[in-house]
Amino acid sequence: MAVGFKVKHYWYQVGHGDFLHSFFSTISYHLEQNGWGTEYPFILNELYNGKLNYKNIDRAITELELIKKKLQKYNPSQVIWDIEDLSKRPPWGNNISKDISNLSDYFITSEGEDLIDTLMKAFKKGLKTNSDVFIETL
């Protein structure tokens, strides 16, 4: 089943739910010293739990910009597949594209788009339409 971001009647496909969970796990593990959602509450608490209120999108954009910048400091081998079980590894192992140089460009959607860019598009669409951003499964 595919998971993605829904804004009004717009759909931004991500891919498998485990892949999206890996994105959130990687952020929390590497960038939040005091636990899940302590540094990036709008992305890791509100959005992760299914709905980002449109009134908080500006703050989520700021968080996402910081996340992207900070993930550039980490090698692709430092990806976290599941923060609840650090022994789990991505199904593709270390077999990744040579174009991936750090964790900010590691996450590519099932449609071949950068996940951070896709999430930013969803946020901007939410701002433009005064709409909440949801995580939904098809």
N, C-alpha and C. Protein backbone atom coordinates (compact mmCIF):
# COMPACT_ATOMS: atom_id res chain seq x y z
N MET A 1 0.83 -1.18 0.00
CA MET A 1 0.00 0.00 0.00
C MET A 1 0.87 1.24 0.00
N ALA A 2 0.46 2.20 -0.78
CA ALA A 2 1.21 3.45 -0.91
C ALA A 2 0.77 4.45 0.15
N VAL A 3 1.73 5.18 0.65
CA VAL A 3 1.47 6.25 1.60
C VAL A 3 1.93 7.56 0.96
N GLY A 4 1.28 8.64 1.36
CA GLY A 4 1.67 9.92 0.81
C GLY A 4 1.05 11.06 1.59
N PHE A 5 1.23 12.26 1.07
CA PHE A 5 0.70 13.46 1.70
C PHE A 5 -0.51 13.93 0.90
N LYS A 6 -1.58 14.23 1.61
CA LYS A 6 -2.80 14.71 0.96
C LYS A 6 -3.07 16.13 1.43
N VAL A 7 -3.29 17.00 0.46
CA VAL A 7 -3.65 18.39 0.74
C VAL A 7 -4.87 18.69 -0.11
N LYS A 8 -5.99 18.88 0.55
CA LYS A 8 -7.27 19.05 -0.15
C LYS A 8 -7.47 17.84 -1.06
N HIS A 9 -7.54 18.04 -2.38
CA HIS A 9 -7.65 16.89 -3.28
C HIS A 9 -6.36 16.66 -4.05
N TYR A 10 -5.24 17.15 -3.54
CA TYR A 10 -3.93 16.94 -4.16
C TYR A 10 -3.22 15.80 -3.41
N TRP A 11 -2.52 14.98 -4.18
CA TRP A 11 -1.85 13.80 -3.62
C TRP A 11 -0.37 13.85 -3.98
N TYR A 12 0.48 13.64 -2.98
CA TYR A 12 1.94 13.61 -3.16
C TYR A 12 2.42 12.25 -2.66
N GLN A 13 2.66 11.35 -3.59
CA GLN A 13 3.01 9.98 -3.24
C GLN A 13 4.42 9.88 -2.69
N VAL A 14 4.56 9.07 -1.64
CA VAL A 14 5.87 8.81 -1.04
C VAL A 14 6.33 7.41 -1.40
N GLY A 15 5.53 6.42 -1.09
CA GLY A 15 5.92 5.03 -1.30
C GLY A 15 5.39 4.18 -0.17
N HIS A 16 6.18 3.23 0.30
CA HIS A 16 5.78 2.33 1.37
C HIS A 16 5.84 3.04 2.72
N GLY A 17 4.96 2.67 3.61
CA GLY A 17 4.91 3.28 4.94
C GLY A 17 6.20 3.11 5.73
N ASP A 18 6.88 1.96 5.58
CA ASP A 18 8.15 1.74 6.27
C ASP A 18 9.20 2.75 5.83
N PHE A 19 9.16 3.12 4.56
CA PHE A 19 10.10 4.10 4.02
C PHE A 19 9.87 5.47 4.65
N LEU A 20 8.61 5.88 4.78
CA LEU A 20 8.31 7.17 5.40
C LEU A 20 8.68 7.13 6.88
N HIS A 21 8.42 6.02 7.54
CA HIS A 21 8.81 5.89 8.96
C HIS A 21 10.33 5.99 9.09
N SER A 22 11.07 5.46 8.14
CA SER A 22 12.53 5.56 8.16
C SER A 22 12.97 7.02 8.09
N PHE A 23 12.31 7.80 7.26
CA PHE A 23 12.61 9.23 7.14
C PHE A 23 12.46 9.91 8.50
N PHE A 24 11.34 9.69 9.16
CA PHE A 24 11.09 10.29 10.47
C PHE A 24 12.06 9.74 11.51
N SER A 25 12.32 8.43 11.47
CA SER A 25 13.26 7.81 12.41
C SER A 25 14.66 8.39 12.28
N THR A 26 15.10 8.58 11.04
CA THR A 26 16.43 9.13 10.79
C THR A 26 16.54 10.54 11.35
N ILE A 27 15.52 11.34 11.15
CA ILE A 27 15.52 12.71 11.68
C ILE A 27 15.63 12.69 13.20
N SER A 28 14.77 11.94 13.85
CA SER A 28 14.76 11.93 15.30
C SER A 28 16.06 11.38 15.87
N TYR A 29 16.53 10.27 15.33
CA TYR A 29 17.73 9.63 15.86
C TYR A 29 18.95 10.55 15.78
N HIS A 30 19.14 11.19 14.64
CA HIS A 30 20.35 11.99 14.46
C HIS A 30 20.21 13.45 14.90
N LEU A 31 19.02 14.00 14.88
CA LEU A 31 18.88 15.45 15.07
C LEU A 31 18.15 15.86 16.35
N GLU A 32 17.66 14.90 17.10
CA GLU A 32 16.93 15.24 18.32
C GLU A 32 17.58 14.56 19.53
N GLN A 33 18.38 15.31 20.24
CA GLN A 33 19.11 14.76 21.39
C GLN A 33 18.19 14.36 22.54
N ASN A 34 17.03 15.01 22.66
CA ASN A 34 16.15 14.77 23.81
C ASN A 34 14.92 13.93 23.47
N GLY A 35 14.95 13.23 22.34
CA GLY A 35 13.86 12.33 22.01
C GLY A 35 12.93 12.84 20.93
N TRP A 36 12.10 11.95 20.47
CA TRP A 36 11.19 12.15 19.35
C TRP A 36 10.33 13.41 19.53
N GLY A 37 10.40 14.29 18.54
CA GLY A 37 9.54 15.47 18.51
C GLY A 37 9.99 16.64 19.36
N THR A 38 11.15 16.52 20.03
CA THR A 38 11.60 17.60 20.91
C THR A 38 12.17 18.79 20.15
N GLU A 39 12.79 18.56 19.01
CA GLU A 39 13.36 19.64 18.21
C GLU A 39 12.46 20.03 17.04
N TYR A 40 11.73 19.07 16.52
CA TYR A 40 10.90 19.29 15.32
C TYR A 40 9.46 18.83 15.60
N PRO A 41 8.78 19.54 16.50
CA PRO A 41 7.45 19.08 16.93
C PRO A 41 6.38 19.10 15.84
N PHE A 42 6.48 20.00 14.89
CA PHE A 42 5.42 20.08 13.88
C PHE A 42 5.54 18.95 12.86
N ILE A 43 6.76 18.55 12.57
CA ILE A 43 6.96 17.45 11.63
C ILE A 43 6.89 16.10 12.34
N LEU A 44 7.57 15.96 13.48
CA LEU A 44 7.67 14.65 14.12
C LEU A 44 6.56 14.35 15.11
N ASN A 45 5.81 15.32 15.50
CA ASN A 45 4.66 15.04 16.35
C ASN A 45 3.37 15.23 15.56
N GLU A 46 3.12 16.44 15.12
CA GLU A 46 1.85 16.74 14.47
C GLU A 46 1.69 16.00 13.14
N LEU A 47 2.61 16.22 12.20
CA LEU A 47 2.50 15.56 10.89
C LEU A 47 2.62 14.05 11.03
N TYR A 48 3.59 13.58 11.77
CA TYR A 48 3.79 12.13 11.93
C TYR A 48 2.53 11.45 12.44
N ASN A 49 1.79 12.14 13.28
CA ASN A 49 0.55 11.56 13.82
C ASN A 49 -0.63 11.70 12.87
N GLY A 50 -0.37 12.16 11.64
CA GLY A 50 -1.39 12.10 10.60
C GLY A 50 -1.90 13.40 10.05
N LYS A 51 -1.75 14.51 10.81
CA LYS A 51 -2.33 15.76 10.33
C LYS A 51 -1.52 16.96 10.83
N LEU A 52 -1.05 17.76 9.87
CA LEU A 52 -0.41 19.03 10.19
C LEU A 52 -1.43 20.13 9.93
N ASN A 53 -1.80 20.86 10.96
CA ASN A 53 -2.76 21.95 10.83
C ASN A 53 -2.16 23.05 9.96
N TYR A 54 -2.95 23.59 9.05
CA TYR A 54 -2.43 24.59 8.12
C TYR A 54 -1.87 25.81 8.84
N LYS A 55 -2.33 26.09 10.05
CA LYS A 55 -1.81 27.23 10.82
C LYS A 55 -0.36 27.01 11.25
N ASN A 56 0.10 25.77 11.22
CA ASN A 56 1.46 25.44 11.63
C ASN A 56 2.39 25.15 10.46
N ILE A 57 1.92 25.31 9.26
CA ILE A 57 2.74 24.97 8.08
C ILE A 57 3.99 25.85 8.00
N ASP A 58 3.88 27.13 8.28
CA ASP A 58 5.07 27.99 8.23
C ASP A 58 6.16 27.46 9.16
N ARG A 59 5.78 27.05 10.35
CA ARG A 59 6.76 26.51 11.31
C ARG A 59 7.31 25.17 10.83
N ALA A 60 6.46 24.37 10.20
CA ALA A 60 6.94 23.09 9.67
C ALA A 60 7.92 23.31 8.52
N ILE A 61 7.68 24.33 7.71
CA ILE A 61 8.62 24.65 6.62
C ILE A 61 9.98 25.02 7.20
N THR A 62 9.99 25.83 8.25
CA THR A 62 11.24 26.19 8.91
C THR A 62 11.95 24.96 9.44
N GLU A 63 11.19 24.06 10.06
CA GLU A 63 11.78 22.81 10.55
C GLU A 63 12.37 22.00 9.41
N LEU A 64 11.64 21.86 8.32
CA LEU A 64 12.10 21.05 7.20
C LEU A 64 13.37 21.62 6.58
N GLU A 65 13.46 22.93 6.48
CA GLU A 65 14.67 23.56 5.94
C GLU A 65 15.87 23.26 6.83
N LEU A 66 15.68 23.32 8.15
CA LEU A 66 16.77 22.98 9.09
C LEU A 66 17.15 21.51 8.99
N ILE A 67 16.14 20.65 8.90
CA ILE A 67 16.38 19.21 8.78
C ILE A 67 17.22 18.92 7.54
N LYS A 68 16.83 19.50 6.42
CA LYS A 68 17.57 19.25 5.18
C LYS A 68 19.03 19.67 5.33
N LYS A 69 19.25 20.83 5.90
CA LYS A 69 20.62 21.33 6.08
C LYS A 69 21.42 20.41 7.01
N LYS A 70 20.83 20.01 8.11
CA LYS A 70 21.54 19.18 9.08
C LYS A 70 21.79 17.76 8.59
N LEU A 71 20.86 17.20 7.80
CA LEU A 71 21.05 15.83 7.29
C LEU A 71 22.19 15.75 6.28
N GLN A 72 22.61 16.89 5.73
CA GLN A 72 23.72 16.90 4.77
C GLN A 72 25.03 16.47 5.43
N LYS A 73 25.10 16.50 6.74
CA LYS A 73 26.31 16.14 7.48
C LYS A 73 26.45 14.63 7.72
N TYR A 74 25.44 13.86 7.32
CA TYR A 74 25.43 12.43 7.60
C TYR A 74 25.56 11.62 6.32
N ASN A 75 26.34 10.55 6.40
CA ASN A 75 26.54 9.65 5.26
C ASN A 75 25.32 8.76 5.06
N PRO A 76 25.07 8.31 3.83
CA PRO A 76 23.94 7.41 3.57
C PRO A 76 23.95 6.16 4.45
N SER A 77 25.12 5.69 4.82
CA SER A 77 25.21 4.48 5.66
C SER A 77 24.64 4.71 7.06
N GLN A 78 24.37 5.95 7.42
CA GLN A 78 23.86 6.28 8.75
C GLN A 78 22.32 6.35 8.79
N VAL A 79 21.67 5.88 7.72
CA VAL A 79 20.21 5.88 7.69
C VAL A 79 19.68 4.99 8.82
N ILE A 80 18.59 5.41 9.39
CA ILE A 80 17.90 4.62 10.43
C ILE A 80 16.62 4.09 9.80
N TRP A 81 16.50 2.78 9.71
CA TRP A 81 15.31 2.20 9.10
C TRP A 81 14.14 2.22 10.07
N ASP A 82 14.41 1.94 11.35
CA ASP A 82 13.34 1.90 12.33
C ASP A 82 13.93 2.25 13.70
N ILE A 83 13.57 3.39 14.22
CA ILE A 83 14.14 3.86 15.48
C ILE A 83 13.79 2.93 16.64
N GLU A 84 12.71 2.16 16.53
CA GLU A 84 12.34 1.21 17.59
C GLU A 84 13.16 -0.08 17.52
N ASP A 85 13.79 -0.34 16.37
CA ASP A 85 14.64 -1.53 16.22
C ASP A 85 15.82 -1.15 15.33
N LEU A 86 16.88 -0.69 15.97
CA LEU A 86 18.04 -0.18 15.24
C LEU A 86 18.79 -1.26 14.46
N SER A 87 18.47 -2.52 14.70
CA SER A 87 19.11 -3.60 13.94
C SER A 87 18.52 -3.73 12.53
N LYS A 88 17.33 -3.18 12.31
CA LYS A 88 16.70 -3.28 10.99
C LYS A 88 17.44 -2.42 9.98
N ARG A 89 17.58 -2.94 8.77
CA ARG A 89 18.26 -2.24 7.69
C ARG A 89 17.29 -2.12 6.50
N PRO A 90 17.52 -1.14 5.62
CA PRO A 90 16.66 -1.02 4.43
C PRO A 90 16.70 -2.31 3.61
N PRO A 91 15.61 -2.65 2.95
CA PRO A 91 15.57 -3.90 2.17
C PRO A 91 16.61 -3.93 1.05
N TRP A 92 17.06 -2.78 0.57
CA TRP A 92 18.06 -2.73 -0.50
C TRP A 92 19.48 -2.69 0.05
N GLY A 93 19.62 -2.71 1.38
CA GLY A 93 20.95 -2.70 2.00
C GLY A 93 21.73 -1.44 1.64
N ASN A 94 22.95 -1.63 1.17
CA ASN A 94 23.80 -0.51 0.77
C ASN A 94 23.78 -0.29 -0.74
N ASN A 95 22.90 -0.98 -1.43
CA ASN A 95 22.80 -0.88 -2.89
C ASN A 95 21.96 0.35 -3.25
N ILE A 96 22.61 1.53 -3.24
CA ILE A 96 21.92 2.79 -3.52
C ILE A 96 22.60 3.51 -4.68
N SER A 97 21.91 4.46 -5.25
CA SER A 97 22.42 5.25 -6.35
C SER A 97 23.68 6.02 -5.95
N LYS A 98 24.60 6.15 -6.88
CA LYS A 98 25.82 6.94 -6.66
C LYS A 98 25.49 8.43 -6.48
N ASP A 99 24.28 8.84 -6.90
CA ASP A 99 23.86 10.24 -6.76
C ASP A 99 23.54 10.61 -5.32
N ILE A 100 23.37 9.61 -4.46
CA ILE A 100 23.05 9.87 -3.06
C ILE A 100 24.35 10.05 -2.31
N SER A 101 24.57 11.26 -1.81
CA SER A 101 25.84 11.56 -1.15
C SER A 101 25.70 11.78 0.36
N ASN A 102 24.48 11.99 0.82
CA ASN A 102 24.26 12.22 2.25
C ASN A 102 22.79 11.93 2.57
N LEU A 103 22.42 12.06 3.83
CA LEU A 103 21.05 11.72 4.23
C LEU A 103 20.01 12.75 3.79
N SER A 104 20.43 13.94 3.37
CA SER A 104 19.44 14.90 2.89
C SER A 104 18.91 14.53 1.51
N ASP A 105 19.67 13.75 0.76
CA ASP A 105 19.20 13.32 -0.57
C ASP A 105 19.00 11.81 -0.66
N TYR A 106 18.98 11.14 0.48
CA TYR A 106 18.82 9.69 0.54
C TYR A 106 17.40 9.24 0.21
N PHE A 107 16.44 10.00 0.67
CA PHE A 107 15.04 9.57 0.60
C PHE A 107 14.40 10.01 -0.71
N ILE A 108 14.18 9.05 -1.59
CA ILE A 108 13.60 9.27 -2.91
C ILE A 108 12.26 8.54 -2.97
N THR A 109 11.22 9.24 -3.36
CA THR A 109 9.88 8.65 -3.40
C THR A 109 9.78 7.58 -4.47
N SER A 110 8.69 6.84 -4.44
CA SER A 110 8.46 5.79 -5.43
C SER A 110 8.30 6.37 -6.83
N GLU A 111 8.07 7.67 -6.92
CA GLU A 111 7.96 8.34 -8.22
C GLU A 111 9.27 8.98 -8.65
N GLY A 112 10.35 8.73 -7.89
CA GLY A 112 11.67 9.23 -8.25
C GLY A 112 11.95 10.66 -7.83
N GLU A 113 11.13 11.19 -6.93
CA GLU A 113 11.30 12.57 -6.47
C GLU A 113 11.96 12.58 -5.09
N ASP A 114 12.68 13.65 -4.80
CA ASP A 114 13.28 13.83 -3.48
C ASP A 114 12.15 13.99 -2.46
N LEU A 115 12.18 13.21 -1.39
CA LEU A 115 11.10 13.23 -0.40
C LEU A 115 11.00 14.59 0.29
N ILE A 116 12.12 15.20 0.61
CA ILE A 116 12.08 16.51 1.27
C ILE A 116 11.44 17.54 0.34
N ASP A 117 11.79 17.51 -0.94
CA ASP A 117 11.18 18.42 -1.91
C ASP A 117 9.68 18.16 -2.05
N THR A 118 9.31 16.88 -2.05
CA THR A 118 7.90 16.52 -2.16
C THR A 118 7.11 17.02 -0.96
N LEU A 119 7.69 16.85 0.22
CA LEU A 119 7.03 17.33 1.43
C LEU A 119 6.91 18.86 1.41
N MET A 120 7.94 19.53 0.92
CA MET A 120 7.90 21.00 0.82
C MET A 120 6.80 21.43 -0.14
N LYS A 121 6.63 20.71 -1.26
CA LYS A 121 5.55 21.04 -2.20
C LYS A 121 4.19 20.89 -1.53
N ALA A 122 4.03 19.83 -0.74
CA ALA A 122 2.77 19.63 -0.03
C ALA A 122 2.52 20.75 0.97
N PHE A 123 3.58 21.16 1.68
CA PHE A 123 3.43 22.28 2.63
C PHE A 123 3.02 23.55 1.91
N LYS A 124 3.66 23.84 0.80
CA LYS A 124 3.35 25.08 0.06
C LYS A 124 1.94 25.04 -0.51
N LYS A 125 1.50 23.85 -0.95
CA LYS A 125 0.12 23.72 -1.43
C LYS A 125 -0.86 23.95 -0.28
N GLY A 126 -0.52 23.47 0.90
CA GLY A 126 -1.35 23.71 2.08
C GLY A 126 -1.46 25.19 2.40
N LEU A 127 -0.34 25.90 2.30
CA LEU A 127 -0.37 27.34 2.53
C LEU A 127 -1.25 28.05 1.50
N LYS A 128 -1.06 27.67 0.24
CA LYS A 128 -1.78 28.31 -0.86
C LYS A 128 -3.29 28.09 -0.76
N THR A 129 -3.69 26.92 -0.28
CA THR A 129 -5.11 26.57 -0.23
C THR A 129 -5.71 26.66 1.18
N ASN A 130 -4.91 27.13 2.15
CA ASN A 130 -5.35 27.17 3.55
C ASN A 130 -5.88 25.81 3.99
N SER A 131 -5.10 24.76 3.68
CA SER A 131 -5.54 23.40 3.96
C SER A 131 -4.53 22.66 4.84
N ASP A 132 -5.04 21.74 5.63
CA ASP A 132 -4.19 20.88 6.43
C ASP A 132 -3.44 19.91 5.52
N VAL A 133 -2.33 19.38 6.02
CA VAL A 133 -1.56 18.36 5.31
C VAL A 133 -1.73 17.06 6.08
N PHE A 134 -2.17 16.02 5.38
CA PHE A 134 -2.41 14.72 6.00
C PHE A 134 -1.44 13.67 5.46
N ILE A 135 -1.12 12.70 6.30
CA ILE A 135 -0.46 11.48 5.83
C ILE A 135 -1.58 10.47 5.65
N GLU A 136 -1.68 9.91 4.45
CA GLU A 136 -2.75 8.94 4.18
C GLU A 136 -2.19 7.75 3.42
N THR A 137 -2.89 6.65 3.54
CA THR A 137 -2.54 5.42 2.85
C THR A 137 -3.60 5.14 1.80
N LEU A 138 -3.16 4.78 0.60
CA LEU A 138 -4.10 4.40 -0.46
C LEU A 138 -4.34 2.91 -0.43
